[in-house]
């Protein structure tokens, strides 16, 4: 009987160039790799490698077998992801406040249009610890969060969506263009320093304008935008959504070539790694983000 794992070993040898390198990839010893090759040769009744020189070389038949194995694997994988697989049932989704008012409405509309058999429920949670606890407890299927600088819990799967740059917001009638001078001359409306994004913004402010003190801490970017547009101060926040910027009298001031930023990620449990419903949500996020080229940066690699 043909052992399919032996075919994978043959492909690894050809891809990596040697028995030893293939052993490192598939997690066994070189002698085990040699044994698997001999089993294949017994099955086919033909040599797969020319061993007449110091370095074994694959025969033409080995190349033919490996290509057949690759083709078969590709066809099987295509069955797994083909569009006839229905996305249905319920998706329990959570997200941070800033994502709820920015990306989430567009994602929900996309899911409704693309997957009408999928029912999405949005959790009434908006703090990272609460969302992570709900994920761990199985009360959520996925959550859109800011990945912490540490990378996030290894017990969960973090799929990066986009890295959002921070900018400075000022009222439209403020003419000064240098962030340092703006922070020295005008009150600072702080983005909530209890969040990782707020801490990144505060670190930037302390670096370029030491001594600046926030007159208020706000979590809602919409509220910050409203206050800035009324001339109450300046703020350093993730780049707001285009419609919010256009709705207020604002100036958006870039923070240079290496601005602070935050990494948005979709988080799921490892048990849901292959969930079609969560994959549909991830694809919807990525599609919306891609449509905003010029307002959000491209997905981080």
C-alpha atoms as a PDB file:
ATOM      1  CA  UNK A   1       0.000   0.000   0.000  1.00  0.00           C
ATOM      2  CA  UNK A   2       1.236   3.494  -0.843  1.00  0.00           C
ATOM      3  CA  UNK A   3       2.055   5.662   2.179  1.00  0.00           C
ATOM      4  CA  UNK A   4       1.127   9.255   1.257  1.00  0.00           C
ATOM      5  CA  UNK A   5       3.568  10.694   3.806  1.00  0.00           C
ATOM      6  CA  UNK A   6       6.380   9.074   1.815  1.00  0.00           C
ATOM      7  CA  UNK A   7       5.329  11.142  -1.192  1.00  0.00           C
ATOM      8  CA  UNK A   8       5.521  14.291   0.945  1.00  0.00           C
ATOM      9  CA  UNK A   9       9.041  13.244   1.934  1.00  0.00           C
ATOM     10  CA  UNK A  10      10.044  12.866  -1.716  1.00  0.00           C
ATOM     11  CA  UNK A  11       8.703  16.336  -2.519  1.00  0.00           C
ATOM     12  CA  UNK A  12      10.625  17.780   0.455  1.00  0.00           C
ATOM     13  CA  UNK A  13      13.874  16.177  -0.772  1.00  0.00           C
ATOM     14  CA  UNK A  14      13.470  17.695  -4.218  1.00  0.00           C
ATOM     15  CA  UNK A  15      12.448  21.093  -2.839  1.00  0.00           C
ATOM     16  CA  UNK A  16      15.279  21.291  -0.285  1.00  0.00           C
ATOM     17  CA  UNK A  17      17.998  19.598  -2.339  1.00  0.00           C
ATOM     18  CA  UNK A  18      19.090  16.830   0.026  1.00  0.00           C
ATOM     19  CA  UNK A  19      17.929  14.059   2.330  1.00  0.00           C
ATOM     20  CA  UNK A  20      19.377  15.889   5.340  1.00  0.00           C
ATOM     21  CA  UNK A  21      17.609  19.178   4.593  1.00  0.00           C
ATOM     22  CA  UNK A  22      14.324  17.349   4.015  1.00  0.00           C
ATOM     23  CA  UNK A  23      14.699  15.585   7.368  1.00  0.00           C
ATOM     24  CA  UNK A  24      14.885  18.969   9.106  1.00  0.00           C
ATOM     25  CA  UNK A  25      11.706  20.138   7.406  1.00  0.00           C
ATOM     26  CA  UNK A  26       9.539  17.102   8.094  1.00  0.00           C
ATOM     27  CA  UNK A  27      10.940  16.485  11.572  1.00  0.00           C
ATOM     28  CA  UNK A  28      12.703  13.125  11.335  1.00  0.00           C
ATOM     29  CA  UNK A  29      16.222  11.729  10.944  1.00  0.00           C
ATOM     30  CA  UNK A  30      18.058  11.416   7.593  1.00  0.00           C
ATOM     31  CA  UNK A  31      18.014   7.630   8.017  1.00  0.00           C
ATOM     32  CA  UNK A  32      14.218   7.726   8.333  1.00  0.00           C
ATOM     33  CA  UNK A  33      14.068   9.768   5.126  1.00  0.00           C
ATOM     34  CA  UNK A  34      16.210   7.157   3.353  1.00  0.00           C
ATOM     35  CA  UNK A  35      13.906   4.400   4.581  1.00  0.00           C
ATOM     36  CA  UNK A  36      10.832   6.200   3.248  1.00  0.00           C
ATOM     37  CA  UNK A  37      12.503   6.624  -0.147  1.00  0.00           C
ATOM     38  CA  UNK A  38      13.339   2.913  -0.245  1.00  0.00           C
ATOM     39  CA  UNK A  39       9.702   2.103   0.566  1.00  0.00           C
ATOM     40  CA  UNK A  40       8.617   4.255  -2.372  1.00  0.00           C
ATOM     41  CA  UNK A  41      11.112   2.560  -4.666  1.00  0.00           C
ATOM     42  CA  UNK A  42       9.788  -0.835  -3.575  1.00  0.00           C
ATOM     43  CA  UNK A  43       6.220   0.291  -4.242  1.00  0.00           C
ATOM     44  CA  UNK A  44       6.987   1.622  -7.729  1.00  0.00           C
ATOM     45  CA  UNK A  45       9.562  -1.036  -8.569  1.00  0.00           C
ATOM     46  CA  UNK A  46      11.918   1.647  -9.891  1.00  0.00           C
ATOM     47  CA  UNK A  47      14.808   3.663  -8.450  1.00  0.00           C
ATOM     48  CA  UNK A  48      13.990   7.253  -7.577  1.00  0.00           C
ATOM     49  CA  UNK A  49      17.590   8.364  -7.111  1.00  0.00           C
ATOM     50  CA  UNK A  50      20.819   7.713  -8.963  1.00  0.00           C
ATOM     51  CA  UNK A  51      23.296   6.674  -6.275  1.00  0.00           C
ATOM     52  CA  UNK A  52      26.277   6.096  -8.564  1.00  0.00           C
ATOM     53  CA  UNK A  53      28.008   9.285  -7.357  1.00  0.00           C
ATOM     54  CA  UNK A  54      28.678  10.669  -3.878  1.00  0.00           C
ATOM     55  CA  UNK A  55      25.538  12.803  -4.037  1.00  0.00           C
ATOM     56  CA  UNK A  56      22.264  11.074  -4.899  1.00  0.00           C
ATOM     57  CA  UNK A  57      20.480  12.635  -7.836  1.00  0.00           C
ATOM     58  CA  UNK A  58      16.739  12.298  -8.556  1.00  0.00           C
ATOM     59  CA  UNK A  59      15.778  10.297 -11.607  1.00  0.00           C
ATOM     60  CA  UNK A  60      13.357  11.549 -14.221  1.00  0.00           C
ATOM     61  CA  UNK A  61      10.786   9.170 -12.760  1.00  0.00           C
ATOM     62  CA  UNK A  62      11.247  10.749  -9.300  1.00  0.00           C
ATOM     63  CA  UNK A  63      10.507  14.166 -10.772  1.00  0.00           C
ATOM     64  CA  UNK A  64       7.387  12.759 -12.418  1.00  0.00           C
ATOM     65  CA  UNK A  65       6.172  11.184  -9.162  1.00  0.00           C
ATOM     66  CA  UNK A  66       6.829  14.385  -7.184  1.00  0.00           C
ATOM     67  CA  UNK A  67       4.872  16.494  -9.671  1.00  0.00           C
ATOM     68  CA  UNK A  68       1.950  14.082  -9.484  1.00  0.00           C
ATOM     69  CA  UNK A  69       2.054  14.364  -5.675  1.00  0.00           C
ATOM     70  CA  UNK A  70       2.043  18.167  -5.860  1.00  0.00           C
ATOM     71  CA  UNK A  71      -0.878  18.167  -8.296  1.00  0.00           C
ATOM     72  CA  UNK A  72      -2.896  15.832  -6.090  1.00  0.00           C
ATOM     73  CA  UNK A  73      -2.221  17.929  -2.984  1.00  0.00           C
ATOM     74  CA  UNK A  74      -3.287  21.100  -4.793  1.00  0.00           C
ATOM     75  CA  UNK A  75      -6.537  19.472  -5.948  1.00  0.00           C
ATOM     76  CA  UNK A  76      -7.347  18.297  -2.416  1.00  0.00           C
ATOM     77  CA  UNK A  77      -6.664  21.766  -0.990  1.00  0.00           C
ATOM     78  CA  UNK A  78      -8.891  23.294  -3.669  1.00  0.00           C
ATOM     79  CA  UNK A  79     -11.751  21.078  -2.489  1.00  0.00           C
ATOM     80  CA  UNK A  80     -11.344  22.515   1.002  1.00  0.00           C
ATOM     81  CA  UNK A  81     -11.639  26.164  -0.030  1.00  0.00           C
ATOM     82  CA  UNK A  82     -13.936  25.953  -3.052  1.00  0.00           C
ATOM     83  CA  UNK A  83     -16.735  28.550  -2.983  1.00  0.00           C
ATOM     84  CA  UNK A  84     -19.498  25.914  -2.908  1.00  0.00           C
ATOM     85  CA  UNK A  85     -18.806  25.460   0.815  1.00  0.00           C
ATOM     86  CA  UNK A  86     -21.546  27.474   2.510  1.00  0.00           C
ATOM     87  CA  UNK A  87     -20.762  30.016   5.193  1.00  0.00           C
ATOM     88  CA  UNK A  88     -23.721  29.746   7.537  1.00  0.00           C
ATOM     89  CA  UNK A  89     -24.752  29.544  11.154  1.00  0.00           C
ATOM     90  CA  UNK A  90     -23.782  32.150  13.754  1.00  0.00           C
ATOM     91  CA  UNK A  91     -20.610  34.197  14.122  1.00  0.00           C
ATOM     92  CA  UNK A  92     -20.059  35.790  17.530  1.00  0.00           C
ATOM     93  CA  UNK A  93     -17.847  38.799  16.918  1.00  0.00           C
ATOM     94  CA  UNK A  94     -16.290  41.371  19.228  1.00  0.00           C
ATOM     95  CA  UNK A  95     -14.258  44.514  18.616  1.00  0.00           C
ATOM     96  CA  UNK A  96     -12.772  47.576  20.255  1.00  0.00           C
ATOM     97  CA  UNK A  97     -14.788  50.796  20.408  1.00  0.00           C
ATOM     98  CA  UNK A  98     -12.665  52.529  17.775  1.00  0.00           C
ATOM     99  CA  UNK A  99     -13.161  49.610  15.372  1.00  0.00           C
ATOM    100  CA  UNK A 100     -16.914  49.475  16.048  1.00  0.00           C
ATOM    101  CA  UNK A 101     -17.358  52.981  14.668  1.00  0.00           C
ATOM    102  CA  UNK A 102     -14.814  52.601  11.877  1.00  0.00           C
ATOM    103  CA  UNK A 103     -14.353  49.270  10.104  1.00  0.00           C
ATOM    104  CA  UNK A 104     -17.043  47.134  11.718  1.00  0.00           C
ATOM    105  CA  UNK A 105     -20.152  48.618  10.020  1.00  0.00           C
ATOM    106  CA  UNK A 106     -18.623  48.028   6.597  1.00  0.00           C
ATOM    107  CA  UNK A 107     -17.561  44.506   7.567  1.00  0.00           C
ATOM    108  CA  UNK A 108     -21.080  43.663   8.757  1.00  0.00           C
ATOM    109  CA  UNK A 109     -22.599  44.939   5.529  1.00  0.00           C
ATOM    110  CA  UNK A 110     -20.092  42.929   3.495  1.00  0.00           C
ATOM    111  CA  UNK A 111     -20.881  39.756   5.441  1.00  0.00           C
ATOM    112  CA  UNK A 112     -24.613  40.338   4.995  1.00  0.00           C
ATOM    113  CA  UNK A 113     -24.216  40.777   1.243  1.00  0.00           C
ATOM    114  CA  UNK A 114     -21.689  37.988   0.632  1.00  0.00           C
ATOM    115  CA  UNK A 115     -22.978  35.413   3.110  1.00  0.00           C
ATOM    116  CA  UNK A 116     -26.721  35.882   3.663  1.00  0.00           C
ATOM    117  CA  UNK A 117     -26.958  32.548   5.520  1.00  0.00           C
ATOM    118  CA  UNK A 118     -24.516  33.783   8.179  1.00  0.00           C
ATOM    119  CA  UNK A 119     -25.969  35.445  11.272  1.00  0.00           C
ATOM    120  CA  UNK A 120     -23.520  37.793  13.007  1.00  0.00           C
ATOM    121  CA  UNK A 121     -23.940  38.798  16.629  1.00  0.00           C
ATOM    122  CA  UNK A 122     -21.757  41.598  18.012  1.00  0.00           C
ATOM    123  CA  UNK A 123     -20.824  41.326  21.678  1.00  0.00           C
ATOM    124  CA  UNK A 124     -21.569  44.331  23.962  1.00  0.00           C
ATOM    125  CA  UNK A 125     -17.899  44.427  24.994  1.00  0.00           C
ATOM    126  CA  UNK A 126     -15.252  46.947  24.016  1.00  0.00           C
ATOM    127  CA  UNK A 127     -12.276  46.510  26.366  1.00  0.00           C
ATOM    128  CA  UNK A 128      -9.379  44.290  25.333  1.00  0.00           C
ATOM    129  CA  UNK A 129      -9.242  42.255  28.599  1.00  0.00           C
ATOM    130  CA  UNK A 130     -12.995  41.586  28.451  1.00  0.00           C
ATOM    131  CA  UNK A 131     -12.823  40.555  24.801  1.00  0.00           C
ATOM    132  CA  UNK A 132      -9.867  38.236  25.385  1.00  0.00           C
ATOM    133  CA  UNK A 133     -11.605  36.659  28.386  1.00  0.00           C
ATOM    134  CA  UNK A 134     -14.734  36.080  26.296  1.00  0.00           C
ATOM    135  CA  UNK A 135     -12.638  34.475  23.566  1.00  0.00           C
ATOM    136  CA  UNK A 136     -10.869  32.179  26.011  1.00  0.00           C
ATOM    137  CA  UNK A 137     -14.201  31.183  27.564  1.00  0.00           C
ATOM    138  CA  UNK A 138     -15.667  30.297  24.170  1.00  0.00           C
ATOM    139  CA  UNK A 139     -18.232  33.108  24.321  1.00  0.00           C
ATOM    140  CA  UNK A 140     -16.812  34.740  21.182  1.00  0.00           C
ATOM    141  CA  UNK A 141     -15.615  33.228  17.923  1.00  0.00           C
ATOM    142  CA  UNK A 142     -13.339  36.143  16.996  1.00  0.00           C
ATOM    143  CA  UNK A 143     -12.448  39.675  18.055  1.00  0.00           C
ATOM    144  CA  UNK A 144     -10.878  42.631  16.258  1.00  0.00           C
ATOM    145  CA  UNK A 145      -8.238  44.046  18.590  1.00  0.00           C
ATOM    146  CA  UNK A 146      -4.989  45.953  18.750  1.00  0.00           C
ATOM    147  CA  UNK A 147      -2.095  43.511  18.951  1.00  0.00           C
ATOM    148  CA  UNK A 148       0.002  44.369  22.027  1.00  0.00           C
ATOM    149  CA  UNK A 149       3.729  45.157  21.608  1.00  0.00           C
ATOM    150  CA  UNK A 150       4.496  41.769  23.198  1.00  0.00           C
ATOM    151  CA  UNK A 151       2.757  40.048  20.285  1.00  0.00           C
ATOM    152  CA  UNK A 152      -0.257  38.734  22.176  1.00  0.00           C
ATOM    153  CA  UNK A 153      -1.057  35.440  23.881  1.00  0.00           C
ATOM    154  CA  UNK A 154       0.439  32.430  22.091  1.00  0.00           C
ATOM    155  CA  UNK A 155      -2.654  30.440  23.076  1.00  0.00           C
ATOM    156  CA  UNK A 156      -4.642  32.430  20.512  1.00  0.00           C
ATOM    157  CA  UNK A 157      -4.226  32.992  16.781  1.00  0.00           C
ATOM    158  CA  UNK A 158      -3.488  36.632  15.874  1.00  0.00           C
ATOM    159  CA  UNK A 159      -4.029  37.470  12.209  1.00  0.00           C
ATOM    160  CA  UNK A 160      -2.714  40.917  11.337  1.00  0.00           C
ATOM    161  CA  UNK A 161      -5.130  43.058   9.353  1.00  0.00           C
ATOM    162  CA  UNK A 162      -3.511  46.478   8.999  1.00  0.00           C
ATOM    163  CA  UNK A 163      -1.046  48.789  10.695  1.00  0.00           C
ATOM    164  CA  UNK A 164      -2.672  52.166  11.344  1.00  0.00           C
ATOM    165  CA  UNK A 165      -0.412  55.227  11.562  1.00  0.00           C
ATOM    166  CA  UNK A 166      -1.089  57.920  14.147  1.00  0.00           C
ATOM    167  CA  UNK A 167      -1.567  61.531  13.075  1.00  0.00           C
ATOM    168  CA  UNK A 168      -2.077  64.842  14.813  1.00  0.00           C
ATOM    169  CA  UNK A 169      -5.465  66.525  14.577  1.00  0.00           C
ATOM    170  CA  UNK A 170      -5.912  70.284  14.854  1.00  0.00           C
ATOM    171  CA  UNK A 171      -8.759  72.684  14.192  1.00  0.00           C
ATOM    172  CA  UNK A 172      -8.927  73.858  10.579  1.00  0.00           C
ATOM    173  CA  UNK A 173      -7.917  77.439  11.424  1.00  0.00           C
ATOM    174  CA  UNK A 174      -4.650  76.428  13.141  1.00  0.00           C
ATOM    175  CA  UNK A 175      -1.789  77.303  10.777  1.00  0.00           C
ATOM    176  CA  UNK A 176       1.232  75.837  12.581  1.00  0.00           C
ATOM    177  CA  UNK A 177       2.376  72.640  10.821  1.00  0.00           C
ATOM    178  CA  UNK A 178       5.059  71.288  13.188  1.00  0.00           C
ATOM    179  CA  UNK A 179       3.729  68.766  15.714  1.00  0.00           C
ATOM    180  CA  UNK A 180       6.270  69.843  18.364  1.00  0.00           C
ATOM    181  CA  UNK A 181       5.159  73.474  18.233  1.00  0.00           C
ATOM    182  CA  UNK A 182       1.489  72.548  18.180  1.00  0.00           C
ATOM    183  CA  UNK A 183       1.905  70.530  21.378  1.00  0.00           C
ATOM    184  CA  UNK A 184       3.807  73.363  23.064  1.00  0.00           C
ATOM    185  CA  UNK A 185       1.259  76.024  22.143  1.00  0.00           C
ATOM    186  CA  UNK A 186      -2.066  74.201  22.416  1.00  0.00           C
ATOM    187  CA  UNK A 187      -3.739  71.946  24.999  1.00  0.00           C
ATOM    188  CA  UNK A 188      -3.289  68.221  24.462  1.00  0.00           C
ATOM    189  CA  UNK A 189      -6.437  66.088  24.267  1.00  0.00           C
ATOM    190  CA  UNK A 190      -5.091  62.636  25.101  1.00  0.00           C
ATOM    191  CA  UNK A 191      -6.241  59.423  23.494  1.00  0.00           C
ATOM    192  CA  UNK A 192      -7.074  57.097  26.411  1.00  0.00           C
ATOM    193  CA  UNK A 193      -3.749  56.168  28.010  1.00  0.00           C
ATOM    194  CA  UNK A 194      -5.260  53.012  29.483  1.00  0.00           C
ATOM    195  CA  UNK A 195      -5.165  51.502  25.979  1.00  0.00           C
ATOM    196  CA  UNK A 196      -2.047  50.344  24.141  1.00  0.00           C
ATOM    197  CA  UNK A 197      -2.753  52.836  21.347  1.00  0.00           C
ATOM    198  CA  UNK A 198      -3.160  55.661  23.843  1.00  0.00           C
ATOM    199  CA  UNK A 199       0.133  54.756  25.493  1.00  0.00           C
ATOM    200  CA  UNK A 200       1.883  54.808  22.105  1.00  0.00           C
ATOM    201  CA  UNK A 201       0.454  58.278  21.415  1.00  0.00           C
ATOM    202  CA  UNK A 202       1.469  59.528  24.874  1.00  0.00           C
ATOM    203  CA  UNK A 203       5.006  58.218  24.402  1.00  0.00           C
ATOM    204  CA  UNK A 204       5.282  60.206  21.168  1.00  0.00           C
ATOM    205  CA  UNK A 205       3.999  63.363  22.878  1.00  0.00           C
ATOM    206  CA  UNK A 206       6.476  63.003  25.753  1.00  0.00           C
ATOM    207  CA  UNK A 207       9.302  62.503  23.280  1.00  0.00           C
ATOM    208  CA  UNK A 208       8.658  65.530  21.056  1.00  0.00           C
ATOM    209  CA  UNK A 209       7.168  67.916  23.631  1.00  0.00           C
ATOM    210  CA  UNK A 210       8.314  67.009  27.156  1.00  0.00           C
ATOM    211  CA  UNK A 211       6.121  68.488  29.835  1.00  0.00           C
ATOM    212  CA  UNK A 212       2.900  68.340  27.834  1.00  0.00           C
ATOM    213  CA  UNK A 213      -0.075  67.425  29.994  1.00  0.00           C
ATOM    214  CA  UNK A 214      -3.345  66.050  28.764  1.00  0.00           C
ATOM    215  CA  UNK A 215      -6.359  68.163  29.698  1.00  0.00           C
ATOM    216  CA  UNK A 216      -8.614  65.118  29.287  1.00  0.00           C
ATOM    217  CA  UNK A 217      -8.338  61.423  28.378  1.00  0.00           C
ATOM    218  CA  UNK A 218     -10.924  60.133  25.916  1.00  0.00           C
ATOM    219  CA  UNK A 219     -11.379  56.678  24.433  1.00  0.00           C
ATOM    220  CA  UNK A 220     -13.797  57.730  21.711  1.00  0.00           C
ATOM    221  CA  UNK A 221     -11.980  59.002  18.635  1.00  0.00           C
ATOM    222  CA  UNK A 222     -15.273  60.525  17.479  1.00  0.00           C
ATOM    223  CA  UNK A 223     -15.409  62.600  20.679  1.00  0.00           C
ATOM    224  CA  UNK A 224     -11.779  63.659  20.266  1.00  0.00           C
ATOM    225  CA  UNK A 225     -12.454  64.786  16.699  1.00  0.00           C
ATOM    226  CA  UNK A 226     -15.435  66.853  17.834  1.00  0.00           C
ATOM    227  CA  UNK A 227     -13.422  68.578  20.581  1.00  0.00           C
ATOM    228  CA  UNK A 228     -10.457  69.285  18.323  1.00  0.00           C
ATOM    229  CA  UNK A 229     -12.709  70.787  15.656  1.00  0.00           C
ATOM    230  CA  UNK A 230     -14.106  73.174  18.303  1.00  0.00           C
ATOM    231  CA  UNK A 231     -10.616  74.496  18.999  1.00  0.00           C
ATOM    232  CA  UNK A 232     -10.192  72.873  22.430  1.00  0.00           C
ATOM    233  CA  UNK A 233      -6.749  71.494  21.624  1.00  0.00           C
ATOM    234  CA  UNK A 234      -4.779  69.031  19.512  1.00  0.00           C
ATOM    235  CA  UNK A 235      -4.631  65.261  19.687  1.00  0.00           C
ATOM    236  CA  UNK A 236      -2.512  62.335  18.496  1.00  0.00           C
ATOM    237  CA  UNK A 237      -4.767  59.473  17.377  1.00  0.00           C
ATOM    238  CA  UNK A 238      -4.923  56.652  14.827  1.00  0.00           C
ATOM    239  CA  UNK A 239      -5.845  58.087  11.439  1.00  0.00           C
ATOM    240  CA  UNK A 240      -9.658  58.497  11.617  1.00  0.00           C
ATOM    241  CA  UNK A 241     -11.982  57.101   8.970  1.00  0.00           C
ATOM    242  CA  UNK A 242     -12.366  59.345   5.901  1.00  0.00           C
ATOM    243  CA  UNK A 243     -16.053  60.174   6.500  1.00  0.00           C
ATOM    244  CA  UNK A 244     -15.319  61.372  10.035  1.00  0.00           C
ATOM    245  CA  UNK A 245     -12.526  63.666   8.856  1.00  0.00           C
ATOM    246  CA  UNK A 246     -14.693  65.188   6.133  1.00  0.00           C
ATOM    247  CA  UNK A 247     -17.580  65.798   8.559  1.00  0.00           C
ATOM    248  CA  UNK A 248     -15.578  68.226  10.738  1.00  0.00           C
ATOM    249  CA  UNK A 249     -13.381  71.289  10.267  1.00  0.00           C
ATOM    250  CA  UNK A 250     -10.032  69.607  10.844  1.00  0.00           C
ATOM    251  CA  UNK A 251      -6.436  69.544   9.743  1.00  0.00           C
ATOM    252  CA  UNK A 252      -4.598  66.229   9.693  1.00  0.00           C
ATOM    253  CA  UNK A 253      -0.890  66.711  10.420  1.00  0.00           C
ATOM    254  CA  UNK A 254       1.463  63.806   9.567  1.00  0.00           C
ATOM    255  CA  UNK A 255       3.973  62.821  12.260  1.00  0.00           C
ATOM    256  CA  UNK A 256       7.002  62.257  10.054  1.00  0.00           C
ATOM    257  CA  UNK A 257       8.547  59.207   8.466  1.00  0.00           C
ATOM    258  CA  UNK A 258       8.292  56.908  11.505  1.00  0.00           C
ATOM    259  CA  UNK A 259       5.046  57.826  13.257  1.00  0.00           C
ATOM    260  CA  UNK A 260       3.652  55.803  16.132  1.00  0.00           C
ATOM    261  CA  UNK A 261       1.201  53.193  14.950  1.00  0.00           C
ATOM    262  CA  UNK A 262      -1.021  50.360  16.101  1.00  0.00           C
ATOM    263  CA  UNK A 263      -1.465  46.904  14.627  1.00  0.00           C
ATOM    264  CA  UNK A 264      -5.060  45.807  14.164  1.00  0.00           C
ATOM    265  CA  UNK A 265      -5.525  42.029  14.291  1.00  0.00           C
ATOM    266  CA  UNK A 266      -8.328  39.503  14.198  1.00  0.00           C
ATOM    267  CA  UNK A 267      -7.998  37.062  17.088  1.00  0.00           C
ATOM    268  CA  UNK A 268      -9.452  33.570  17.354  1.00  0.00           C
ATOM    269  CA  UNK A 269      -8.957  30.407  19.380  1.00  0.00           C
ATOM    270  CA  UNK A 270      -6.699  27.721  17.941  1.00  0.00           C
ATOM    271  CA  UNK A 271      -9.689  25.372  17.946  1.00  0.00           C
ATOM    272  CA  UNK A 272     -11.299  27.720  15.376  1.00  0.00           C
ATOM    273  CA  UNK A 273      -8.260  27.877  13.112  1.00  0.00           C
ATOM    274  CA  UNK A 274     -10.202  26.444  10.161  1.00  0.00           C
ATOM    275  CA  UNK A 275     -13.560  28.077  10.908  1.00  0.00           C
ATOM    276  CA  UNK A 276     -15.126  29.209   7.630  1.00  0.00           C
ATOM    277  CA  UNK A 277     -17.224  31.761   9.497  1.00  0.00           C
ATOM    278  CA  UNK A 278     -14.194  33.409  11.095  1.00  0.00           C
ATOM    279  CA  UNK A 279     -12.329  33.232   7.790  1.00  0.00           C
ATOM    280  CA  UNK A 280     -15.241  35.057   6.155  1.00  0.00           C
ATOM    281  CA  UNK A 281     -14.980  37.833   8.757  1.00  0.00           C
ATOM    282  CA  UNK A 282     -11.226  38.090   8.242  1.00  0.00           C
ATOM    283  CA  UNK A 283     -11.663  38.317   4.472  1.00  0.00           C
ATOM    284  CA  UNK A 284     -14.317  41.012   4.895  1.00  0.00           C
ATOM    285  CA  UNK A 285     -11.989  43.092   7.086  1.00  0.00           C
ATOM    286  CA  UNK A 286      -9.157  42.745   4.579  1.00  0.00           C
ATOM    287  CA  UNK A 287     -11.430  43.666   1.671  1.00  0.00           C
ATOM    288  CA  UNK A 288     -12.654  46.837   3.388  1.00  0.00           C
ATOM    289  CA  UNK A 289      -9.112  47.791   4.363  1.00  0.00           C
ATOM    290  CA  UNK A 290      -7.861  47.264   0.805  1.00  0.00           C
ATOM    291  CA  UNK A 291     -10.591  49.592  -0.483  1.00  0.00           C
ATOM    292  CA  UNK A 292      -9.222  52.368   1.724  1.00  0.00           C
ATOM    293  CA  UNK A 293      -5.821  52.624   0.110  1.00  0.00           C
ATOM    294  CA  UNK A 294      -4.363  55.994   0.983  1.00  0.00           C
ATOM    295  CA  UNK A 295      -6.251  56.221   4.287  1.00  0.00           C
ATOM    296  CA  UNK A 296      -4.929  53.067   5.915  1.00  0.00           C
ATOM    297  CA  UNK A 297      -1.526  51.578   5.287  1.00  0.00           C
ATOM    298  CA  UNK A 298      -1.187  48.224   3.594  1.00  0.00           C
ATOM    299  CA  UNK A 299      -1.295  44.940   5.644  1.00  0.00           C
ATOM    300  CA  UNK A 300       1.930  44.426   7.567  1.00  0.00           C
ATOM    301  CA  UNK A 301       4.107  41.527   6.570  1.00  0.00           C
END
